[in-house]
Amino acid sequence: MKRFLFLFISIFLCISITPSFGMEPASISGLWWNQEKSAQIEIYESTGRIYGKIVSLKEPVYPPDDPLGMAGRPKIDRNNPDPLKRKRPLVGLLILDAFHRTGDRIWEDGFIYDPKNGKTYRCKMTLDTPNTLFVRGFIGFSLLGRTTTWTRGK
């Protein structure tokens, strides 16, 4: 019985220690679709921080019935509170800013910009699976916010 217990404990220790040794931590770099599948975002690392920019839109131009008369023109950041930034194209727009890794699958202390309403929120991202990213934007505390699920693009 003692031998069995020793063998069980040895196997358990080997299994619990081995996976983390020599394995690279999870990565969120790459292309991601937002929850609505209306935009594809490229997440990348630069200078030790994580950033993300819109690289494509499902509907990149304004529809014929656009209330501001922009029909057929490429979409711009027209809801930005800064009038000088309202003419920036949405494609290429930086929306994830300055995240750093705080755990194996967690990135925090960054910001997310929502071009739909022109607001910037604090943000936390959690890699649930290799192809599923939870993006939580919030004001103040993480409890006061909203989480969306992004899926890895191809």
C-alpha atoms as a PDB file:
ATOM      1  CA  MET A   1       0.000   0.000   0.000  1.00  0.00           C
ATOM      2  CA  LYS A   2       2.834   2.410   0.835  1.00  0.00           C
ATOM      3  CA  ARG A   3       4.437   1.646  -2.517  1.00  0.00           C
ATOM      4  CA  PHE A   4       1.194   2.410  -4.336  1.00  0.00           C
ATOM      5  CA  LEU A   5       0.790   5.702  -2.465  1.00  0.00           C
ATOM      6  CA  PHE A   6       4.426   6.664  -3.201  1.00  0.00           C
ATOM      7  CA  LEU A   7       3.976   5.781  -6.880  1.00  0.00           C
ATOM      8  CA  PHE A   8       0.711   7.784  -7.077  1.00  0.00           C
ATOM      9  CA  ILE A   9       2.295  10.857  -5.460  1.00  0.00           C
ATOM     10  CA  SER A  10       5.361  10.611  -7.735  1.00  0.00           C
ATOM     11  CA  ILE A  11       3.230  10.385 -10.877  1.00  0.00           C
ATOM     12  CA  PHE A  12       1.045  13.288  -9.705  1.00  0.00           C
ATOM     13  CA  LEU A  13       4.100  15.498  -9.076  1.00  0.00           C
ATOM     14  CA  CYS A  14       5.620  14.646 -12.458  1.00  0.00           C
ATOM     15  CA  ILE A  15       2.383  15.429 -14.259  1.00  0.00           C
ATOM     16  CA  SER A  16       1.768  18.700 -12.407  1.00  0.00           C
ATOM     17  CA  ILE A  17       5.307  20.017 -12.875  1.00  0.00           C
ATOM     18  CA  THR A  18       6.156  18.799 -16.396  1.00  0.00           C
ATOM     19  CA  PRO A  19       3.555  20.697 -18.485  1.00  0.00           C
ATOM     20  CA  SER A  20       4.727  24.122 -17.356  1.00  0.00           C
ATOM     21  CA  PHE A  21       8.417  23.347 -17.792  1.00  0.00           C
ATOM     22  CA  GLY A  22       9.734  24.376 -21.186  1.00  0.00           C
ATOM     23  CA  MET A  23       6.347  25.290 -22.640  1.00  0.00           C
ATOM     24  CA  GLU A  24       5.715  28.718 -24.067  1.00  0.00           C
ATOM     25  CA  PRO A  25       2.930  30.758 -22.499  1.00  0.00           C
ATOM     26  CA  ALA A  26      -0.309  31.250 -24.420  1.00  0.00           C
ATOM     27  CA  SER A  27      -0.324  33.956 -27.073  1.00  0.00           C
ATOM     28  CA  ILE A  28      -3.099  36.253 -28.273  1.00  0.00           C
ATOM     29  CA  SER A  29      -1.143  37.619 -31.217  1.00  0.00           C
ATOM     30  CA  GLY A  30      -2.907  37.214 -34.532  1.00  0.00           C
ATOM     31  CA  LEU A  31      -6.237  38.011 -36.178  1.00  0.00           C
ATOM     32  CA  TRP A  32      -9.486  38.048 -34.173  1.00  0.00           C
ATOM     33  CA  TRP A  33     -13.142  38.625 -35.081  1.00  0.00           C
ATOM     34  CA  ASN A  34     -15.169  40.738 -32.684  1.00  0.00           C
ATOM     35  CA  GLN A  35     -18.325  39.184 -31.233  1.00  0.00           C
ATOM     36  CA  GLU A  36     -20.614  40.637 -33.918  1.00  0.00           C
ATOM     37  CA  LYS A  37     -18.214  39.506 -36.685  1.00  0.00           C
ATOM     38  CA  SER A  38     -18.335  43.082 -38.002  1.00  0.00           C
ATOM     39  CA  ALA A  39     -14.607  43.770 -37.610  1.00  0.00           C
ATOM     40  CA  GLN A  40     -11.376  41.834 -37.678  1.00  0.00           C
ATOM     41  CA  ILE A  41      -8.686  43.002 -35.272  1.00  0.00           C
ATOM     42  CA  GLU A  42      -4.983  42.262 -35.477  1.00  0.00           C
ATOM     43  CA  ILE A  43      -3.456  41.832 -32.024  1.00  0.00           C
ATOM     44  CA  TYR A  44       0.318  42.213 -31.876  1.00  0.00           C
ATOM     45  CA  GLU A  45       3.164  42.819 -29.453  1.00  0.00           C
ATOM     46  CA  SER A  46       5.431  45.838 -29.597  1.00  0.00           C
ATOM     47  CA  THR A  47       7.947  47.052 -27.001  1.00  0.00           C
ATOM     48  CA  GLY A  48       6.729  44.436 -24.522  1.00  0.00           C
ATOM     49  CA  ARG A  49       3.082  45.550 -24.680  1.00  0.00           C
ATOM     50  CA  ILE A  50       0.049  44.243 -26.551  1.00  0.00           C
ATOM     51  CA  TYR A  51      -1.853  46.376 -29.064  1.00  0.00           C
ATOM     52  CA  GLY A  52      -4.672  45.807 -31.509  1.00  0.00           C
ATOM     53  CA  LYS A  53      -5.926  47.553 -34.626  1.00  0.00           C
ATOM     54  CA  ILE A  54      -8.867  47.087 -36.949  1.00  0.00           C
ATOM     55  CA  VAL A  55      -7.634  45.491 -40.182  1.00  0.00           C
ATOM     56  CA  SER A  56     -10.940  44.855 -41.940  1.00  0.00           C
ATOM     57  CA  LEU A  57     -14.650  45.601 -41.634  1.00  0.00           C
ATOM     58  CA  LYS A  58     -17.566  43.504 -42.820  1.00  0.00           C
ATOM     59  CA  GLU A  59     -19.113  46.724 -44.147  1.00  0.00           C
ATOM     60  CA  PRO A  60     -16.175  49.090 -44.806  1.00  0.00           C
ATOM     61  CA  VAL A  61     -18.255  51.870 -46.411  1.00  0.00           C
ATOM     62  CA  TYR A  62     -21.327  53.766 -45.235  1.00  0.00           C
ATOM     63  CA  PRO A  63     -24.679  52.480 -46.574  1.00  0.00           C
ATOM     64  CA  PRO A  64     -26.762  54.424 -49.130  1.00  0.00           C
ATOM     65  CA  ASP A  65     -29.139  55.627 -46.400  1.00  0.00           C
ATOM     66  CA  ASP A  66     -26.394  57.098 -44.167  1.00  0.00           C
ATOM     67  CA  PRO A  67     -28.003  59.968 -42.209  1.00  0.00           C
ATOM     68  CA  LEU A  68     -24.856  62.134 -42.439  1.00  0.00           C
ATOM     69  CA  GLY A  69     -24.574  61.911 -46.216  1.00  0.00           C
ATOM     70  CA  MET A  70     -21.447  59.720 -46.246  1.00  0.00           C
ATOM     71  CA  ALA A  71     -22.976  56.994 -48.474  1.00  0.00           C
ATOM     72  CA  GLY A  72     -20.347  54.913 -50.251  1.00  0.00           C
ATOM     73  CA  ARG A  73     -17.405  56.506 -48.438  1.00  0.00           C
ATOM     74  CA  PRO A  74     -15.017  54.507 -46.215  1.00  0.00           C
ATOM     75  CA  LYS A  75     -16.061  54.482 -42.551  1.00  0.00           C
ATOM     76  CA  ILE A  76     -14.289  56.951 -40.291  1.00  0.00           C
ATOM     77  CA  ASP A  77     -13.981  57.552 -36.546  1.00  0.00           C
ATOM     78  CA  ARG A  78     -16.826  60.084 -36.616  1.00  0.00           C
ATOM     79  CA  ASN A  79     -17.972  59.452 -33.021  1.00  0.00           C
ATOM     80  CA  ASN A  80     -14.627  60.406 -31.499  1.00  0.00           C
ATOM     81  CA  PRO A  81     -14.995  63.165 -28.874  1.00  0.00           C
ATOM     82  CA  ASP A  82     -11.893  64.869 -30.300  1.00  0.00           C
ATOM     83  CA  PRO A  83     -12.959  66.753 -33.474  1.00  0.00           C
ATOM     84  CA  LEU A  84      -9.416  66.445 -34.862  1.00  0.00           C
ATOM     85  CA  LYS A  85      -9.670  62.629 -34.824  1.00  0.00           C
ATOM     86  CA  ARG A  86     -13.107  62.281 -36.431  1.00  0.00           C
ATOM     87  CA  LYS A  87     -11.742  61.898 -39.959  1.00  0.00           C
ATOM     88  CA  ARG A  88      -9.459  58.940 -39.159  1.00  0.00           C
ATOM     89  CA  PRO A  89     -10.372  55.800 -41.129  1.00  0.00           C
ATOM     90  CA  LEU A  90     -11.664  52.903 -39.025  1.00  0.00           C
ATOM     91  CA  VAL A  91      -9.512  50.420 -40.936  1.00  0.00           C
ATOM     92  CA  GLY A  92      -6.083  50.742 -39.348  1.00  0.00           C
ATOM     93  CA  LEU A  93      -7.461  52.347 -36.165  1.00  0.00           C
ATOM     94  CA  LEU A  94      -5.734  51.336 -32.916  1.00  0.00           C
ATOM     95  CA  ILE A  95      -8.422  50.085 -30.505  1.00  0.00           C
ATOM     96  CA  LEU A  96      -6.382  48.012 -28.001  1.00  0.00           C
ATOM     97  CA  ASP A  97      -3.628  49.896 -26.215  1.00  0.00           C
ATOM     98  CA  ALA A  98      -0.747  49.027 -23.862  1.00  0.00           C
ATOM     99  CA  PHE A  99      -1.733  45.688 -22.294  1.00  0.00           C
ATOM    100  CA  HIS A 100       0.730  43.584 -20.398  1.00  0.00           C
ATOM    101  CA  ARG A 101       0.600  39.957 -19.367  1.00  0.00           C
ATOM    102  CA  THR A 102      -0.334  39.376 -15.729  1.00  0.00           C
ATOM    103  CA  GLY A 103      -0.857  35.624 -15.942  1.00  0.00           C
ATOM    104  CA  ASP A 104      -0.450  32.712 -18.318  1.00  0.00           C
ATOM    105  CA  ARG A 105      -3.700  33.604 -20.114  1.00  0.00           C
ATOM    106  CA  ILE A 106      -4.470  37.117 -18.811  1.00  0.00           C
ATOM    107  CA  TRP A 107      -3.580  40.586 -20.160  1.00  0.00           C
ATOM    108  CA  GLU A 108      -4.513  43.666 -18.113  1.00  0.00           C
ATOM    109  CA  ASP A 109      -3.905  47.349 -17.494  1.00  0.00           C
ATOM    110  CA  GLY A 110      -4.742  48.287 -21.068  1.00  0.00           C
ATOM    111  CA  PHE A 111      -7.459  50.273 -22.769  1.00  0.00           C
ATOM    112  CA  ILE A 112     -10.046  49.537 -25.427  1.00  0.00           C
ATOM    113  CA  TYR A 113     -11.552  52.174 -27.679  1.00  0.00           C
ATOM    114  CA  ASP A 114     -15.101  51.681 -28.974  1.00  0.00           C
ATOM    115  CA  PRO A 115     -15.527  53.590 -32.259  1.00  0.00           C
ATOM    116  CA  LYS A 116     -19.303  53.023 -32.115  1.00  0.00           C
ATOM    117  CA  ASN A 117     -19.650  55.474 -29.223  1.00  0.00           C
ATOM    118  CA  GLY A 118     -16.242  57.194 -29.190  1.00  0.00           C
ATOM    119  CA  LYS A 119     -15.439  56.068 -25.645  1.00  0.00           C
ATOM    120  CA  THR A 120     -12.310  54.521 -24.184  1.00  0.00           C
ATOM    121  CA  TYR A 121     -12.531  51.977 -21.366  1.00  0.00           C
ATOM    122  CA  ARG A 122     -10.083  50.169 -19.149  1.00  0.00           C
ATOM    123  CA  CYS A 123      -9.825  46.594 -20.340  1.00  0.00           C
ATOM    124  CA  LYS A 124      -8.801  43.078 -19.398  1.00  0.00           C
ATOM    125  CA  MET A 125      -8.408  40.167 -21.826  1.00  0.00           C
ATOM    126  CA  THR A 126      -8.499  36.477 -20.951  1.00  0.00           C
ATOM    127  CA  LEU A 127      -7.643  33.683 -23.371  1.00  0.00           C
ATOM    128  CA  ASP A 128     -10.282  31.031 -22.633  1.00  0.00           C
ATOM    129  CA  THR A 129      -9.188  28.592 -25.339  1.00  0.00           C
ATOM    130  CA  PRO A 130      -6.579  29.023 -28.090  1.00  0.00           C
ATOM    131  CA  ASN A 131      -9.389  30.374 -30.320  1.00  0.00           C
ATOM    132  CA  THR A 132     -11.586  32.219 -27.791  1.00  0.00           C
ATOM    133  CA  LEU A 133     -10.688  35.547 -26.183  1.00  0.00           C
ATOM    134  CA  PHE A 134     -12.821  37.226 -23.519  1.00  0.00           C
ATOM    135  CA  VAL A 135     -12.491  41.012 -23.762  1.00  0.00           C
ATOM    136  CA  ARG A 136     -13.865  42.920 -20.763  1.00  0.00           C
ATOM    137  CA  GLY A 137     -14.205  46.694 -20.967  1.00  0.00           C
ATOM    138  CA  PHE A 138     -15.022  48.538 -17.770  1.00  0.00           C
ATOM    139  CA  ILE A 139     -15.114  51.836 -15.941  1.00  0.00           C
ATOM    140  CA  GLY A 140     -13.235  51.894 -12.646  1.00  0.00           C
ATOM    141  CA  PHE A 141     -13.592  48.318 -11.414  1.00  0.00           C
ATOM    142  CA  SER A 142     -13.793  45.187 -13.515  1.00  0.00           C
ATOM    143  CA  LEU A 143     -17.186  44.418 -11.943  1.00  0.00           C
ATOM    144  CA  LEU A 144     -18.706  47.450 -13.690  1.00  0.00           C
ATOM    145  CA  GLY A 145     -18.326  46.472 -17.294  1.00  0.00           C
ATOM    146  CA  ARG A 146     -19.190  44.253 -20.223  1.00  0.00           C
ATOM    147  CA  THR A 147     -17.489  41.189 -21.662  1.00  0.00           C
ATOM    148  CA  THR A 148     -17.506  40.247 -25.324  1.00  0.00           C
ATOM    149  CA  THR A 149     -16.156  37.067 -26.873  1.00  0.00           C
ATOM    150  CA  TRP A 150     -13.758  37.317 -29.792  1.00  0.00           C
ATOM    151  CA  THR A 151     -12.849  34.349 -31.997  1.00  0.00           C
ATOM    152  CA  ARG A 152      -9.549  33.773 -33.711  1.00  0.00           C
ATOM    153  CA  GLY A 153      -9.628  34.585 -37.404  1.00  0.00           C
ATOM    154  CA  LYS A 154      -8.042  32.677 -40.230  1.00  0.00           C
END
